[in-house]
Amino acid sequence: MLCCCLRVCPLSAPDLARALHAAGRLYRRAGRYSAGHRFRIDHYLGQWYEIARLDHGFESGLECVTANYSLRDDGDIRVINRGYDPKEQRWESAEGRASFAGEPDVGHLKVSFFGPFYAGYSVLALDPGYQHALVAGPDRDYLWILSRQPTMPAATYSAYLDRAQALDFPVDELISVEQDPAHCPPQPDTPRGLTPDQCAPRARSLAVKELRHMDMNRRHFLGTGAALAATAALSPTAWAQDAGPTPSRYPDPAWEVLDARFEPYYLFNTPLERHWSGGLWLEGPAWNAVGRYAVFSDIPRARQMRWDEASGSVSVLREGVGHANGNAFDHHGRLVVCEHSPARVVRYEWDGSVRVLASEFQGKPLNAPNDLVILPNDGVIFTDPGYGAHVDYEGSKRALQLAPAIYYVDDTLDAPQRLSDELAKPNGLALSADGRYLYASDTAPSHFPELPASVSRFALSEQGRALGAREMLVSSHDETYDGIALDVDGNLWASVSGGEGRDGVSVFAPDGERIGRIRLPEVCANLCFVGAQRNRLLMTASRSIYTLYTNARGV
């Protein structure tokens, strides 16, 4: 519940001063508990129902209480707490922000509903499926039992009680929270807080009494929140100088230099920036130099999205685009797209019409085209592994009629030409700077766990209509390589799914040796170099868009 401050009322100036002092002391004590296991905030986001709590004045009497967590544009976590007051017959709510108190793989956060004052929030127990949680506040006066559903299995509830009791929480004081859907009215669409003249006299007197008592119990932080609300009412600019969370120190911890050969591409004073986190599964970025924007795909939503370099904003470019995946601009500025369902490669012409370049091979429908590159003659090489045919979530579930393969197509052909079917799941593609070599990733372990993930290199001939012998450059049984890009020095930048500490981007020297990493908090699916100098790496990572300036120049 992140310290559910749902009632806020004005205080006198002396009470305000005492409240500020209390908040400073409590902040230093915050977060004494730790989950003790790897924590995934992307799995924790969404709505939780409060099953039981240690009651306190500012949540007392509320039923149907929920907490909803979502990512903010600045990378912090938005917290919206709601509770229903059956006596007043109205919903009460509060919105706050949270950030990690330490490492992002530990469920230990700090939260603020009021300006710069934070309290601790620790996940003490959490099931592997992120369906039930035991959560503590800054001391043993705060405890919540949460569930994704309005109910919780009795065995889970009992186990959480045992866990809390072992940590000396007063579990006999827990109260059950009404969550019967028949009893809880529909929640409002937007958070609704209480203005000062709407505050119940009981809540106001309780806040003043507790702040004067100053025994550092659970209610002082909530009282401090009331005090800060009063400050805002008296002086709207009181906290205007707060510019948000303190930036992390340089160098950004996303950088990991593994070999001296990576040092020329590393920048000490550049931050990893997360621009947007509103996707479901993001893929296929492509840079448009004229418009200074990148197109990328949100595959499950069948949308093409647009990231604007100048403003950093993200918007919908097209809806209903066949669960598009890979994107690329040809040398005439036309957008060429791989679509999962219907399975085809299409090109958007200057007049807005759509031309189908490839949809079948030898009379059979393609599997689900994935990624592509544009050759100097505007011919297209694309992969067809079939991921959009495995689940309806990313296309249309169906049996594959063709073996996964790499194809070539151009305007002179009625059907694509197959270049290779050596890779089990051919995925990402990239061209060398001189256009002589094609690089292709193989995400074989997704369906063939005995095979390694790999990136291979092929010599191109006949203007891209033929491939030479396969040369495996990189292989691994510990991580998977998806989208790839090359810089002008021949280094390979590969998106990685390998678990925490590996997720992000791995950089390999031309000889295939890993020389560096860019670590991300999410699985990275694809990447491309953007900007006038092509020195800024844009990464589509699960639900988010990240960028990082480098001292490399992309092809």
Foldseek 3Di string as FASTA:
>chain_A
DQLFQFAFAEDDPVLLVLLVVLLVVQLVLFFPDWQPFFAFVVLQAAKKWFFKKQDDLRCPQWFQWMWGWDADQQGWIKIKIWTARVVVGDITIAIWTKDAPDDNGMQWIWIDRFAPGTHIKYWHDADPNRAWTWMAISDLSTITTIGPDLDDDPVVVVVSLVSSVVVVRPSVSMDGHDNPPVVDDDDDPDHDHDDNVRGDPVSVVVLSVVSVVPPSDDCSNSSNRNSSVNVCVVPVCPNVVDPDDDDDDWPEPLWDFFAPVCVLWADGPWYKHWRDQAAFFKAAWEEDAVQQWIWIFRQLQQWIKIQHPVVRDIDTDDGNNQSWHHWYAEPVRWIWIAHQVQGFIWIQDPVRDIGTFAADDPPHGAQTWHYWDAFNVRKIKTWGQRPQQCDVSRHHPDDGPDQTFIWITDPVDPHIDTADRPARRWAAWEAAPVRQKIKIWHQVCVPPLVAWTFIWIWGADPRRHYTHDIGTQETDSQKHWHYWFAFNQQKIWTQIDHDAPQGAIWIAHNNNHTGIGRGDSAHWHYWFQGDPQSQKIWTRGRRIIIIIGISTHTD
